[in-house]
Protein backbone atom coordinates (compact mmCIF):
# COMPACT_ATOMS: atom_id res chain seq x y z
CA MET A 1 87.20 -82.51 95.47
CA PRO A 2 89.53 -82.23 92.52
CA SER A 3 91.16 -79.16 92.38
CA LEU A 4 90.49 -76.67 89.52
CA PRO A 5 93.27 -75.70 86.64
CA ASP A 6 95.52 -73.38 87.66
CA VAL A 7 94.27 -69.57 85.89
CA ALA A 8 97.50 -69.77 84.14
CA THR A 9 97.15 -72.74 81.83
CA PRO A 10 97.21 -72.28 78.51
CA ASP A 11 95.21 -74.84 77.16
CA VAL A 12 92.39 -75.73 79.29
CA VAL A 13 90.64 -77.63 76.43
CA THR A 14 93.79 -80.07 76.36
CA LEU A 15 92.90 -81.10 79.83
CA ALA A 16 89.15 -81.80 78.80
CA GLU A 17 90.30 -83.41 76.45
CA ARG A 18 92.37 -86.12 78.25
CA ALA A 19 89.84 -86.52 81.20
CA ALA A 20 87.09 -87.74 78.29
CA ALA A 21 89.29 -89.63 77.10
CA ALA A 22 90.15 -91.32 80.72
CA GLN A 23 86.51 -92.30 80.83
CA SER A 24 85.13 -95.92 80.37
CA HIS A 25 85.56 -96.70 77.01
CA ASP A 26 82.43 -97.94 75.55
CA PRO A 27 82.78 -99.94 72.80
CA HIS A 28 78.97 -99.77 71.32
CA VAL A 29 79.47 -96.07 71.21
CA ALA A 30 81.48 -96.21 68.15
CA ASP A 31 79.67 -99.56 66.59
CA VAL A 32 78.63 -98.63 63.43
CA ALA A 33 76.40 -101.40 62.72
CA LEU A 34 74.59 -100.88 65.84
CA LYS A 35 74.38 -97.08 65.45
CA PRO A 36 71.22 -96.48 64.15
CA ALA A 37 69.30 -99.09 66.55
CA PHE A 38 71.16 -97.52 69.79
CA PHE A 39 71.09 -94.26 68.63
CA ASP A 40 66.59 -94.50 68.07
CA TRP A 41 66.72 -96.10 71.86
CA LEU A 42 68.40 -93.60 73.36
CA CYS A 43 66.29 -90.99 71.53
CA ARG A 44 62.98 -93.14 73.49
CA MET A 45 65.61 -92.37 76.59
CA GLY A 46 65.50 -89.23 76.48
CA ASP A 47 62.42 -88.09 75.31
CA ASN A 48 60.65 -90.34 77.46
CA SER A 49 62.00 -88.26 80.17
CA LEU A 50 61.83 -85.17 77.84
CA ILE A 51 58.20 -84.74 77.49
CA LEU A 52 56.89 -86.26 81.03
CA GLY A 53 59.02 -83.49 82.43
CA HIS A 54 57.57 -80.75 80.56
CA ARG A 55 54.11 -81.96 81.21
CA ILE A 56 55.00 -82.11 84.90
CA SER A 57 56.59 -78.07 84.86
CA GLU A 58 53.14 -77.40 83.63
CA TRP A 59 51.94 -77.88 87.34
CA CYS A 60 54.71 -75.36 88.59
CA GLY A 61 52.70 -72.86 90.30
CA HIS A 62 49.27 -74.48 89.95
CA GLY A 63 49.51 -77.77 92.04
CA PRO A 64 46.80 -77.77 94.94
CA VAL A 65 49.32 -77.42 97.77
CA LEU A 66 52.21 -75.87 98.18
CA GLU A 67 54.35 -79.27 99.19
CA GLU A 68 52.73 -81.06 96.09
CA ASP A 69 53.47 -77.70 93.92
CA ILE A 70 57.34 -78.03 95.15
CA ALA A 71 57.38 -81.85 94.76
CA LEU A 72 55.97 -82.21 90.67
CA ALA A 73 58.40 -78.79 89.67
CA ASN A 74 61.48 -81.03 91.32
CA THR A 75 60.56 -84.35 89.95
CA ALA A 76 60.24 -82.07 86.36
CA LEU A 77 63.85 -80.97 87.10
CA ASP A 78 64.96 -84.53 87.82
CA LEU A 79 63.31 -85.93 84.41
CA ILE A 80 64.96 -82.97 82.55
CA GLY A 81 68.53 -83.72 83.84
CA HIS A 82 67.84 -87.13 82.54
CA THR A 83 66.87 -85.69 79.23
CA GLN A 84 70.41 -84.11 79.12
CA MET A 85 72.28 -87.55 79.86
CA TRP A 86 70.33 -89.39 77.64
CA LEU A 87 70.38 -87.11 74.12
CA GLY A 88 73.40 -86.00 75.00
CA LEU A 89 74.79 -89.84 74.71
CA ALA A 90 72.35 -90.43 71.57
CA ALA A 91 74.49 -87.16 70.18
CA GLU A 92 77.28 -88.60 70.26
CA VAL A 93 76.73 -92.09 69.28
CA GLU A 94 75.01 -90.10 66.02
CA GLY A 95 78.33 -88.38 65.41
CA ALA A 96 76.38 -85.76 63.39
CA GLY A 97 77.40 -82.66 65.35
CA ARG A 98 74.19 -82.24 67.01
CA SER A 99 73.87 -81.66 70.73
CA ALA A 100 71.39 -82.74 73.38
CA ASP A 101 69.77 -79.10 72.65
CA ASP A 102 69.78 -80.04 68.93
CA LEU A 103 68.35 -82.76 69.66
CA ALA A 104 65.37 -81.48 72.13
CA PHE A 105 64.48 -78.00 70.06
CA LEU A 106 65.10 -78.71 66.97
CA ARG A 107 63.40 -82.24 65.83
CA ASP A 108 60.12 -81.94 64.33
CA ALA A 109 57.08 -84.18 66.52
CA MET A 110 57.42 -87.19 63.86
CA LYS A 111 61.04 -87.38 64.71
CA PHE A 112 60.39 -88.00 68.51
CA ARG A 113 60.23 -91.37 69.79
CA ASN A 114 58.43 -90.87 73.22
CA LEU A 115 55.21 -92.85 74.73
CA LYS A 116 52.45 -91.72 74.11
CA LEU A 117 51.13 -92.25 77.60
CA VAL A 118 54.12 -89.47 78.51
CA GLU A 119 52.51 -86.87 76.45
CA LEU A 120 48.72 -86.76 77.35
CA PRO A 121 47.27 -83.56 78.86
CA ASN A 122 47.52 -83.63 82.35
CA GLY A 123 44.08 -83.44 83.40
CA ASP A 124 43.19 -83.22 87.10
CA MET A 125 45.57 -84.22 89.46
CA ALA A 126 44.49 -87.85 89.35
CA VAL A 127 45.26 -88.05 85.74
CA THR A 128 48.75 -86.51 87.00
CA LEU A 129 49.42 -88.67 89.53
CA MET A 130 48.19 -91.92 87.97
CA ARG A 131 50.17 -91.35 84.52
CA GLU A 132 53.09 -90.48 86.90
CA PHE A 133 52.57 -93.92 89.08
CA LEU A 134 52.19 -96.16 85.73
CA PHE A 135 55.46 -94.36 84.23
CA ASP A 136 57.47 -94.69 87.33
CA ALA A 137 56.69 -98.54 88.07
CA PHE A 138 58.01 -98.93 84.49
CA HIS A 139 60.90 -97.01 84.86
CA PHE A 140 62.10 -97.89 87.87
CA GLU A 141 62.53 -101.19 86.53
CA LEU A 142 64.33 -100.12 83.72
CA LEU A 143 66.88 -98.10 85.34
CA THR A 144 67.75 -100.73 87.64
CA ALA A 145 67.81 -103.54 84.39
CA LEU A 146 70.07 -100.81 82.84
CA THR A 147 72.52 -100.31 85.49
CA LYS A 148 73.99 -103.53 84.38
CA SER A 149 74.40 -103.04 81.26
CA SER A 150 77.21 -103.89 78.78
CA SER A 151 77.57 -100.30 77.94
CA PRO A 152 79.49 -98.62 80.45
CA ARG A 153 77.70 -95.26 79.60
CA VAL A 154 74.41 -96.44 79.47
CA ALA A 155 75.03 -97.85 83.07
CA GLU A 156 76.53 -95.00 84.58
CA ILE A 157 73.56 -92.80 83.64
CA ALA A 158 70.86 -95.18 84.63
CA ALA A 159 72.64 -95.49 87.92
CA LYS A 160 72.26 -91.69 88.78
CA ALA A 161 69.17 -92.00 87.58
CA LEU A 162 67.66 -94.59 89.49
CA LYS A 163 68.51 -92.34 92.80
CA GLU A 164 65.64 -90.14 91.62
CA VAL A 165 63.32 -92.62 89.99
CA SER A 166 63.04 -94.36 93.27
CA TYR A 167 61.95 -91.45 95.10
CA HIS A 168 59.60 -90.50 92.16
CA LEU A 169 58.04 -94.45 92.26
CA GLU A 170 57.98 -93.79 96.52
CA ARG A 171 55.93 -90.69 96.11
CA SER A 172 53.58 -91.43 92.81
CA SER A 173 52.89 -94.46 94.60
CA ASP A 174 52.33 -93.56 98.29
CA LEU A 175 49.47 -90.44 96.84
CA VAL A 176 47.85 -93.35 94.57
CA VAL A 177 47.05 -95.22 97.81
CA ARG A 178 46.06 -92.09 100.06
CA LEU A 179 44.00 -90.53 97.26
CA GLY A 180 42.47 -93.91 95.68
CA ASP A 181 41.78 -94.92 99.72
CA GLY A 182 40.48 -91.61 100.66
CA THR A 183 37.38 -89.68 100.21
CA GLU A 184 34.88 -91.14 98.04
CA GLU A 185 35.45 -88.40 95.74
CA SER A 186 39.16 -89.02 95.92
CA HIS A 187 38.54 -92.52 94.84
CA THR A 188 36.35 -92.04 91.83
CA ARG A 189 38.47 -89.62 90.34
CA MET A 190 41.44 -91.89 90.97
CA GLN A 191 39.58 -94.69 89.30
CA ALA A 192 38.50 -92.49 86.66
CA ALA A 193 42.22 -91.66 85.83
CA LEU A 194 43.12 -95.06 85.86
CA ASN A 195 40.45 -95.95 82.89
CA LYS A 196 41.55 -92.96 81.08
CA VAL A 197 45.67 -93.89 80.68
CA TRP A 198 45.19 -97.43 81.21
CA GLY A 199 45.21 -98.52 77.45
CA TYR A 200 48.67 -96.58 76.85
CA THR A 201 50.61 -98.51 79.16
CA GLY A 202 51.11 -101.47 76.91
CA GLU A 203 53.20 -99.45 74.52
CA MET A 204 56.09 -99.59 77.47
CA PHE A 205 56.83 -103.50 76.65
CA ALA A 206 56.01 -103.13 72.98
CA ALA A 207 59.48 -104.42 71.41
CA ASP A 208 60.24 -104.01 68.54
CA ALA A 209 63.54 -104.23 66.19
CA VAL A 210 65.19 -101.45 67.76
CA ASP A 211 64.66 -103.12 71.51
CA ALA A 212 65.56 -106.74 70.21
CA ALA A 213 69.13 -105.22 68.89
CA VAL A 214 69.78 -103.48 71.99
CA ALA A 215 68.99 -106.56 73.84
CA GLU A 216 70.99 -108.56 71.96
CA ALA A 217 74.01 -106.07 72.60
CA GLY A 218 73.39 -106.38 76.10
CA ILE A 219 72.93 -102.60 76.60
CA ALA A 220 68.63 -102.83 77.64
CA PRO A 221 66.92 -105.76 79.31
CA ALA A 222 64.03 -107.79 76.89
CA LEU A 223 60.97 -105.58 77.30
CA SER A 224 59.11 -108.61 78.37
CA ASP A 225 60.98 -109.49 81.32
CA LEU A 226 60.11 -106.34 82.83
CA LEU A 227 56.31 -106.62 82.88
CA PRO A 228 55.64 -109.55 85.18
CA LEU A 229 57.85 -106.68 87.50
CA TRP A 230 55.85 -104.00 86.58
CA GLN A 231 52.50 -105.83 86.69
CA ARG A 232 53.31 -106.92 90.89
CA THR A 233 53.96 -103.17 91.48
CA VAL A 234 51.01 -101.78 90.08
CA GLY A 235 48.91 -104.98 91.62
CA GLU A 236 49.96 -104.09 94.80
CA VAL A 237 49.61 -100.61 94.75
CA LEU A 238 46.34 -100.86 93.39
CA ASP A 239 45.02 -103.46 95.70
CA GLU A 240 46.05 -101.13 98.50
CA ALA A 241 44.59 -97.95 97.31
CA THR A 242 41.43 -100.22 96.49
CA LEU A 243 41.29 -99.33 92.87
CA SER A 244 39.98 -101.71 90.50
CA GLN A 245 42.49 -103.03 87.10
CA PRO A 246 40.70 -102.15 84.48
CA GLU A 247 39.12 -104.49 81.97
CA GLN A 248 39.79 -103.26 78.99
CA ARG A 249 43.31 -103.66 76.91
CA PHE A 250 46.30 -102.16 78.34
CA ASP A 251 47.80 -101.88 74.90
CA ALA A 252 45.03 -100.03 73.05
CA HIS A 253 47.32 -97.15 71.86
CA SER A 254 50.75 -97.28 70.52
CA GLY A 255 52.96 -96.00 67.86
CA GLY A 256 55.13 -93.30 69.67
CA LYS A 257 57.98 -95.30 69.98
CA LYS A 258 58.08 -95.18 65.85
CA GLY A 259 57.08 -91.47 66.09
CA ARG A 260 53.43 -92.01 65.24
CA HIS A 261 51.85 -89.59 68.14
CA THR A 262 48.62 -87.92 69.36
CA GLU A 263 47.87 -84.31 68.41
CA HIS A 264 49.28 -83.21 71.80
CA LEU A 265 52.79 -83.81 71.28
CA GLY A 266 52.59 -80.87 68.47
CA TYR A 267 51.50 -78.78 70.93
CA ILE A 268 53.92 -79.12 73.18
CA LEU A 269 56.68 -78.72 70.98
CA ALA A 270 55.35 -75.51 69.89
CA GLU A 271 55.57 -74.25 73.22
CA MET A 272 58.56 -75.93 74.46
CA GLN A 273 60.83 -75.12 71.01
CA PHE A 274 59.30 -71.52 69.89
CA LEU A 275 62.73 -69.60 71.56
CA GLN A 276 65.20 -71.43 69.03
CA ARG A 277 62.72 -71.45 66.33
CA ALA A 278 62.28 -67.94 66.38
CA TYR A 279 65.89 -67.00 67.26
CA PRO A 280 68.09 -69.92 65.89
CA GLY A 281 70.82 -70.53 68.26
CA ALA A 282 69.98 -68.27 70.76
CA SER A 283 71.90 -68.52 74.53
CA TRP A 284 71.75 -67.68 77.92
């Protein structure tokens, strides 16, 4: 464990600046031409974690059993922690003097870049778990690929987040199997949940100019490369859970990555951003 600075040190700020300078150099952070796409992509990563984390946190104190209540709260905390890292890097890339908190609490709904899937209401436990599983399967493959990113900062964040997301996927897939292949009622609820959220999953793989730019720079993988991996994981889990993959298109709903959201995001932000909007600059 590194030693703390002596209490008599006159300039702790200088020590912090030296420590920051010693971090891995990342040429992408200062790439002016790449900045708009890199910033937007980082916001997508952070916003997905933020909004899903907030949604899952709504179960805190309301879970069906104590163990699941605690597990959901821990998952939410993990995702909020990922948000801090992604939006913190986004603010650094933007270079406009904003912080991760500013991006989280002071942007309007149209500036958010999260998938529509993660902003959907929790519904019952079946909907919550099915949405989490379908996102976890994507999130796991994405973070795995990002550990090999040409951006050292992105690779570092991905490596840290992957440890927690590996558990998220293990837990959510196990519960999908247990409930899907459980009682008649649990099976019916899980199938209904799958049918409900399936049409929102295709947006995870809908690439645009932003995705193309970061892929070309080697920062992120091509989303098309992740699709067969996701399909394999989802297919195996659904088969074991005795659930049928919906026949409807999986890309029926999109637009969240470009700021076109459902009405549900507005209600989330009204609650999540209230304190900073009512009392600007408030801090603990």
